[in-house]
PDB file of N, CA and C in Angstrom:
ATOM      1  N   MET A   1     -32.315   8.357   6.125  1.00  0.00           N
ATOM      2  CA  MET A   1     -31.753   7.171   5.510  1.00  0.00           C
ATOM      3  C   MET A   1     -30.877   7.546   4.309  1.00  0.00           C
ATOM      4  N   THR A   2     -31.324   8.510   3.516  1.00  0.00           N
ATOM      5  CA  THR A   2     -30.560   8.946   2.355  1.00  0.00           C
ATOM      6  C   THR A   2     -29.212   9.521   2.777  1.00  0.00           C
ATOM      7  N   LYS A   3     -29.219  10.266   3.877  1.00  0.00           N
ATOM      8  CA  LYS A   3     -27.965  10.841   4.374  1.00  0.00           C
ATOM      9  C   LYS A   3     -26.982   9.748   4.766  1.00  0.00           C
ATOM     10  N   LEU A   4     -27.493   8.693   5.379  1.00  0.00           N
ATOM     11  CA  LEU A   4     -26.646   7.581   5.778  1.00  0.00           C
ATOM     12  C   LEU A   4     -26.037   6.897   4.553  1.00  0.00           C
ATOM     13  N   LEU A   5     -26.829   6.698   3.524  1.00  0.00           N
ATOM     14  CA  LEU A   5     -26.331   6.064   2.307  1.00  0.00           C
ATOM     15  C   LEU A   5     -25.292   6.943   1.616  1.00  0.00           C
ATOM     16  N   PHE A   6     -25.401   8.252   1.746  1.00  0.00           N
ATOM     17  CA  PHE A   6     -24.424   9.173   1.177  1.00  0.00           C
ATOM     18  C   PHE A   6     -23.136   9.185   2.006  1.00  0.00           C
ATOM     19  N   ALA A   7     -23.276   9.030   3.319  1.00  0.00           N
ATOM     20  CA  ALA A   7     -22.122   9.114   4.217  1.00  0.00           C
ATOM     21  C   ALA A   7     -21.232   7.877   4.145  1.00  0.00           C
ATOM     22  N   ILE A   8     -21.814   6.732   3.897  1.00  0.00           N
ATOM     23  CA  ILE A   8     -21.033   5.487   3.898  1.00  0.00           C
ATOM     24  C   ILE A   8     -19.897   5.513   2.867  1.00  0.00           C
ATOM     25  N   PRO A   9     -20.131   5.887   1.599  1.00  0.00           N
ATOM     26  CA  PRO A   9     -19.006   5.944   0.657  1.00  0.00           C
ATOM     27  C   PRO A   9     -17.940   6.958   1.072  1.00  0.00           C
ATOM     28  N   LEU A  10     -18.356   8.061   1.668  1.00  0.00           N
ATOM     29  CA  LEU A  10     -17.379   9.055   2.128  1.00  0.00           C
ATOM     30  C   LEU A  10     -16.501   8.487   3.227  1.00  0.00           C
ATOM     31  N   ILE A  11     -17.105   7.759   4.140  1.00  0.00           N
ATOM     32  CA  ILE A  11     -16.344   7.139   5.225  1.00  0.00           C
ATOM     33  C   ILE A  11     -15.377   6.100   4.665  1.00  0.00           C
ATOM     34  N   LEU A  12     -15.843   5.298   3.710  1.00  0.00           N
ATOM     35  CA  LEU A  12     -14.973   4.287   3.095  1.00  0.00           C
ATOM     36  C   LEU A  12     -13.809   4.919   2.354  1.00  0.00           C
ATOM     37  N   MET A  13     -14.068   6.021   1.633  1.00  0.00           N
ATOM     38  CA  MET A  13     -12.986   6.701   0.913  1.00  0.00           C
ATOM     39  C   MET A  13     -11.979   7.281   1.895  1.00  0.00           C
ATOM     40  N   ALA A  14     -12.451   7.858   2.983  1.00  0.00           N
ATOM     41  CA  ALA A  14     -11.552   8.448   3.976  1.00  0.00           C
ATOM     42  C   ALA A  14     -10.697   7.378   4.634  1.00  0.00           C
ATOM     43  N   SER A  15     -11.299   6.236   4.964  1.00  0.00           N
ATOM     44  CA  SER A  15     -10.523   5.176   5.603  1.00  0.00           C
ATOM     45  C   SER A  15      -9.515   4.583   4.630  1.00  0.00           C
ATOM     46  N   SER A  16      -9.862   4.512   3.352  1.00  0.00           N
ATOM     47  CA  SER A  16      -8.935   4.015   2.336  1.00  0.00           C
ATOM     48  C   SER A  16      -7.744   4.951   2.187  1.00  0.00           C
ATOM     49  N   ALA A  17      -7.999   6.248   2.138  1.00  0.00           N
ATOM     50  CA  ALA A  17      -6.916   7.229   2.033  1.00  0.00           C
ATOM     51  C   ALA A  17      -6.035   7.170   3.260  1.00  0.00           C
ATOM     52  N   SER A  18      -6.629   6.995   4.417  1.00  0.00           N
ATOM     53  CA  SER A  18      -5.865   6.896   5.657  1.00  0.00           C
ATOM     54  C   SER A  18      -4.978   5.653   5.648  1.00  0.00           C
ATOM     55  N   ALA A  19      -5.514   4.547   5.166  1.00  0.00           N
ATOM     56  CA  ALA A  19      -4.734   3.308   5.091  1.00  0.00           C
ATOM     57  C   ALA A  19      -3.572   3.458   4.125  1.00  0.00           C
ATOM     58  N   GLN A  20      -3.789   4.136   2.986  1.00  0.00           N
ATOM     59  CA  GLN A  20      -2.709   4.350   2.025  1.00  0.00           C
ATOM     60  C   GLN A  20      -1.637   5.245   2.619  1.00  0.00           C
ATOM     61  N   GLN A  21      -2.052   6.264   3.362  1.00  0.00           N
ATOM     62  CA  GLN A  21      -1.080   7.162   3.977  1.00  0.00           C
ATOM     63  C   GLN A  21      -0.248   6.402   5.002  1.00  0.00           C
ATOM     64  N   LYS A  22      -0.883   5.570   5.822  1.00  0.00           N
ATOM     65  CA  LYS A  22      -0.162   4.784   6.816  1.00  0.00           C
ATOM     66  C   LYS A  22       0.796   3.819   6.124  1.00  0.00           C
ATOM     67  N   GLN A  23       0.349   3.226   5.033  1.00  0.00           N
ATOM     68  CA  GLN A  23       1.191   2.296   4.286  1.00  0.00           C
ATOM     69  C   GLN A  23       2.431   3.020   3.761  1.00  0.00           C
ATOM     70  N   GLY A  24       2.235   4.232   3.247  1.00  0.00           N
ATOM     71  CA  GLY A  24       3.354   5.029   2.776  1.00  0.00           C
ATOM     72  C   GLY A  24       4.290   5.390   3.907  1.00  0.00           C
ATOM     73  N   HIS A  25       3.714   5.715   5.042  1.00  0.00           N
ATOM     74  CA  HIS A  25       4.530   6.042   6.212  1.00  0.00           C
ATOM     75  C   HIS A  25       5.349   4.834   6.626  1.00  0.00           C
ATOM     76  N   ASP A  26       4.706   3.673   6.689  1.00  0.00           N
ATOM     77  CA  ASP A  26       5.408   2.450   7.075  1.00  0.00           C
ATOM     78  C   ASP A  26       6.533   2.121   6.097  1.00  0.00           C
ATOM     79  N   ALA A  27       6.294   2.332   4.806  1.00  0.00           N
ATOM     80  CA  ALA A  27       7.282   1.993   3.785  1.00  0.00           C
ATOM     81  C   ALA A  27       8.524   2.864   3.894  1.00  0.00           C
ATOM     82  N   CYS A  28       8.363   4.103   4.332  1.00  0.00           N
ATOM     83  CA  CYS A  28       9.483   5.047   4.338  1.00  0.00           C
ATOM     84  C   CYS A  28       9.955   5.475   5.724  1.00  0.00           C
ATOM     85  N   ALA A  29       9.312   5.010   6.777  1.00  0.00           N
ATOM     86  CA  ALA A  29       9.656   5.473   8.127  1.00  0.00           C
ATOM     87  C   ALA A  29      11.133   5.254   8.458  1.00  0.00           C
ATOM     88  N   ARG A  30      11.633   4.079   8.150  1.00  0.00           N
ATOM     89  CA  ARG A  30      13.040   3.780   8.459  1.00  0.00           C
ATOM     90  C   ARG A  30      13.980   4.652   7.621  1.00  0.00           C
ATOM     91  N   ASP A  31      13.625   4.862   6.342  1.00  0.00           N
ATOM     92  CA  ASP A  31      14.454   5.697   5.466  1.00  0.00           C
ATOM     93  C   ASP A  31      14.462   7.151   5.930  1.00  0.00           C
ATOM     94  N   VAL A  32      13.305   7.637   6.378  1.00  0.00           N
ATOM     95  CA  VAL A  32      13.232   9.013   6.869  1.00  0.00           C
ATOM     96  C   VAL A  32      14.117   9.162   8.095  1.00  0.00           C
ATOM     97  N   SER A  33      14.027   8.230   9.034  1.00  0.00           N
ATOM     98  CA  SER A  33      14.846   8.348  10.239  1.00  0.00           C
ATOM     99  C   SER A  33      16.329   8.145   9.944  1.00  0.00           C
ATOM    100  N   ARG A  34      16.627   7.402   8.907  1.00  0.00           N
ATOM    101  CA  ARG A  34      18.032   7.138   8.562  1.00  0.00           C
ATOM    102  C   ARG A  34      18.670   8.277   7.763  1.00  0.00           C
ATOM    103  N   PHE A  35      17.951   8.787   6.748  1.00  0.00           N
ATOM    104  CA  PHE A  35      18.541   9.765   5.841  1.00  0.00           C
ATOM    105  C   PHE A  35      18.054  11.196   6.047  1.00  0.00           C
ATOM    106  N   CYS A  36      16.897  11.366   6.672  1.00  0.00           N
ATOM    107  CA  CYS A  36      16.283  12.699   6.742  1.00  0.00           C
ATOM    108  C   CYS A  36      15.937  13.120   8.162  1.00  0.00           C
ATOM    109  N   ARG A  37      16.643  12.577   9.126  1.00  0.00           N
ATOM    110  CA  ARG A  37      16.353  12.874  10.531  1.00  0.00           C
ATOM    111  C   ARG A  37      16.388  14.375  10.809  1.00  0.00           C
ATOM    112  N   ALA A  38      17.341  15.076  10.243  1.00  0.00           N
ATOM    113  CA  ALA A  38      17.484  16.514  10.507  1.00  0.00           C
ATOM    114  C   ALA A  38      16.311  17.322   9.960  1.00  0.00           C
ATOM    115  N   GLN A  39      15.596  16.793   8.974  1.00  0.00           N
ATOM    116  CA  GLN A  39      14.484  17.509   8.349  1.00  0.00           C
ATOM    117  C   GLN A  39      13.114  17.099   8.895  1.00  0.00           C
ATOM    118  N   MET A  40      13.066  16.152   9.800  1.00  0.00           N
ATOM    119  CA  MET A  40      11.794  15.595  10.249  1.00  0.00           C
ATOM    120  C   MET A  40      10.850  16.653  10.833  1.00  0.00           C
ATOM    121  N   GLN A  41      11.365  17.679  11.439  1.00  0.00           N
ATOM    122  CA  GLN A  41      10.519  18.710  12.045  1.00  0.00           C
ATOM    123  C   GLN A  41      10.202  19.850  11.078  1.00  0.00           C
ATOM    124  N   ASP A  42      10.699  19.763   9.846  1.00  0.00           N
ATOM    125  CA  ASP A  42      10.536  20.853   8.882  1.00  0.00           C
ATOM    126  C   ASP A  42       9.308  20.705   7.983  1.00  0.00           C
ATOM    127  N   GLY A  43       8.556  19.641   8.139  1.00  0.00           N
ATOM    128  CA  GLY A  43       7.339  19.460   7.351  1.00  0.00           C
ATOM    129  C   GLY A  43       7.481  18.379   6.298  1.00  0.00           C
ATOM    130  N   ASP A  44       6.326  17.919   5.837  1.00  0.00           N
ATOM    131  CA  ASP A  44       6.268  16.801   4.897  1.00  0.00           C
ATOM    132  C   ASP A  44       6.967  17.087   3.573  1.00  0.00           C
ATOM    133  N   GLN A  45       6.819  18.304   3.061  1.00  0.00           N
ATOM    134  CA  GLN A  45       7.413  18.628   1.764  1.00  0.00           C
ATOM    135  C   GLN A  45       8.941  18.596   1.830  1.00  0.00           C
ATOM    136  N   ILE A  46       9.495  19.037   2.936  1.00  0.00           N
ATOM    137  CA  ILE A  46      10.961  19.027   3.106  1.00  0.00           C
ATOM    138  C   ILE A  46      11.448  17.583   3.222  1.00  0.00           C
ATOM    139  N   VAL A  47      10.724  16.772   3.974  1.00  0.00           N
ATOM    140  CA  VAL A  47      11.097  15.355   4.109  1.00  0.00           C
ATOM    141  C   VAL A  47      10.982  14.657   2.753  1.00  0.00           C
ATOM    142  N   LEU A  48       9.934  14.952   2.008  1.00  0.00           N
ATOM    143  CA  LEU A  48       9.778  14.374   0.671  1.00  0.00           C
ATOM    144  C   LEU A  48      10.952  14.760  -0.225  1.00  0.00           C
ATOM    145  N   ALA A  49      11.357  16.021  -0.174  1.00  0.00           N
ATOM    146  CA  ALA A  49      12.510  16.467  -0.970  1.00  0.00           C
ATOM    147  C   ALA A  49      13.767  15.712  -0.555  1.00  0.00           C
ATOM    148  N   CYS A  50      13.933  15.485   0.728  1.00  0.00           N
ATOM    149  CA  CYS A  50      15.090  14.738   1.226  1.00  0.00           C
ATOM    150  C   CYS A  50      15.068  13.296   0.709  1.00  0.00           C
ATOM    151  N   LEU A  51      13.897  12.667   0.752  1.00  0.00           N
ATOM    152  CA  LEU A  51      13.797  11.296   0.240  1.00  0.00           C
ATOM    153  C   LEU A  51      14.137  11.249  -1.242  1.00  0.00           C
ATOM    154  N   LYS A  52      13.664  12.233  -1.989  1.00  0.00           N
ATOM    155  CA  LYS A  52      13.982  12.285  -3.420  1.00  0.00           C
ATOM    156  C   LYS A  52      15.475  12.459  -3.643  1.00  0.00           C
ATOM    157  N   GLN A  53      16.132  13.279  -2.830  1.00  0.00           N
ATOM    158  CA  GLN A  53      17.581  13.474  -2.964  1.00  0.00           C
ATOM    159  C   GLN A  53      18.341  12.194  -2.668  1.00  0.00           C
ATOM    160  N   ASN A  54      17.777  11.359  -1.813  1.00  0.00           N
ATOM    161  CA  ASN A  54      18.429  10.114  -1.414  1.00  0.00           C
ATOM    162  C   ASN A  54      17.804   8.892  -2.081  1.00  0.00           C
ATOM    163  N   ARG A  55      17.103   9.104  -3.172  1.00  0.00           N
ATOM    164  CA  ARG A  55      16.349   8.026  -3.826  1.00  0.00           C
ATOM    165  C   ARG A  55      17.207   6.784  -4.082  1.00  0.00           C
ATOM    166  N   ALA A  56      18.433   6.947  -4.497  1.00  0.00           N
ATOM    167  CA  ALA A  56      19.291   5.799  -4.809  1.00  0.00           C
ATOM    168  C   ALA A  56      19.654   4.995  -3.549  1.00  0.00           C
ATOM    169  N   ARG A  57      19.515   5.610  -2.390  1.00  0.00           N
ATOM    170  CA  ARG A  57      19.916   4.959  -1.145  1.00  0.00           C
ATOM    171  C   ARG A  57      18.742   4.420  -0.335  1.00  0.00           C
ATOM    172  N   ILE A  58      17.517   4.864  -0.639  1.00  0.00           N
ATOM    173  CA  ILE A  58      16.371   4.436   0.167  1.00  0.00           C
ATOM    174  C   ILE A  58      15.914   3.036  -0.232  1.00  0.00           C
ATOM    175  N   SER A  59      15.118   2.432   0.629  1.00  0.00           N
ATOM    176  CA  SER A  59      14.664   1.055   0.411  1.00  0.00           C
ATOM    177  C   SER A  59      13.746   0.953  -0.811  1.00  0.00           C
ATOM    178  N   LYS A  60      13.670  -0.244  -1.356  1.00  0.00           N
ATOM    179  CA  LYS A  60      12.806  -0.499  -2.518  1.00  0.00           C
ATOM    180  C   LYS A  60      11.336  -0.189  -2.211  1.00  0.00           C
ATOM    181  N   PRO A  61      10.799  -0.617  -1.051  1.00  0.00           N
ATOM    182  CA  PRO A  61       9.393  -0.278  -0.770  1.00  0.00           C
ATOM    183  C   PRO A  61       9.143   1.226  -0.730  1.00  0.00           C
ATOM    184  N   CYS A  62      10.076   1.974  -0.202  1.00  0.00           N
ATOM    185  CA  CYS A  62       9.918   3.432  -0.161  1.00  0.00           C
ATOM    186  C   CYS A  62      10.019   4.011  -1.573  1.00  0.00           C
ATOM    187  N   GLN A  63      10.938   3.510  -2.368  1.00  0.00           N
ATOM    188  CA  GLN A  63      11.039   3.958  -3.762  1.00  0.00           C
ATOM    189  C   GLN A  63       9.742   3.676  -4.510  1.00  0.00           C
ATOM    190  N   GLN A  64       9.176   2.493  -4.281  1.00  0.00           N
ATOM    191  CA  GLN A  64       7.932   2.125  -4.952  1.00  0.00           C
ATOM    192  C   GLN A  64       6.774   3.013  -4.490  1.00  0.00           C
ATOM    193  N   MET A  65       6.738   3.340  -3.205  1.00  0.00           N
ATOM    194  CA  MET A  65       5.690   4.202  -2.694  1.00  0.00           C
ATOM    195  C   MET A  65       5.792   5.586  -3.310  1.00  0.00           C
ATOM    196  N   LEU A  66       7.004   6.120  -3.415  1.00  0.00           N
ATOM    197  CA  LEU A  66       7.194   7.430  -4.049  1.00  0.00           C
ATOM    198  C   LEU A  66       6.736   7.383  -5.504  1.00  0.00           C
ATOM    199  N   ALA A  67       7.131   6.350  -6.220  1.00  0.00           N
ATOM    200  CA  ALA A  67       6.766   6.225  -7.625  1.00  0.00           C
ATOM    201  C   ALA A  67       5.250   6.100  -7.798  1.00  0.00           C
ATOM    202  N   SER A  68       4.608   5.365  -6.904  1.00  0.00           N
ATOM    203  CA  SER A  68       3.168   5.175  -7.012  1.00  0.00           C
ATOM    204  C   SER A  68       2.388   6.455  -6.729  1.00  0.00           C
ATOM    205  N   HIS A  69       3.046   7.418  -6.081  1.00  0.00           N
ATOM    206  CA  HIS A  69       2.426   8.715  -5.804  1.00  0.00           C
ATOM    207  C   HIS A  69       2.961   9.798  -6.741  1.00  0.00           C
ATOM    208  N   GLY A  70       3.595   9.375  -7.825  1.00  0.00           N
ATOM    209  CA  GLY A  70       4.048  10.316  -8.826  1.00  0.00           C
ATOM    210  C   GLY A  70       5.236  11.162  -8.410  1.00  0.00           C
ATOM    211  N   GLN A  71       6.041  10.642  -7.532  1.00  0.00           N
ATOM    212  CA  GLN A  71       7.211  11.390  -7.043  1.00  0.00           C
ATOM    213  C   GLN A  71       8.461  10.788  -7.597  1.00  0.00           C
TER     214      GLN A  71
END
């Protein structure tokens, strides 16, 4: 029973992080395909750098998502 009580918060934290990641993906998916298509296969850090380079051109939700993650 103790193990179950310990596991529940871990599961909730993992699902919350997953939801935030999906939300970030949704906010920037169109911008990535529009401005960073050539970098999509190069990894997340390269795509993030591309979004930062195009910050003035990307959508407001994507800009807000980057800012909320300290980017």
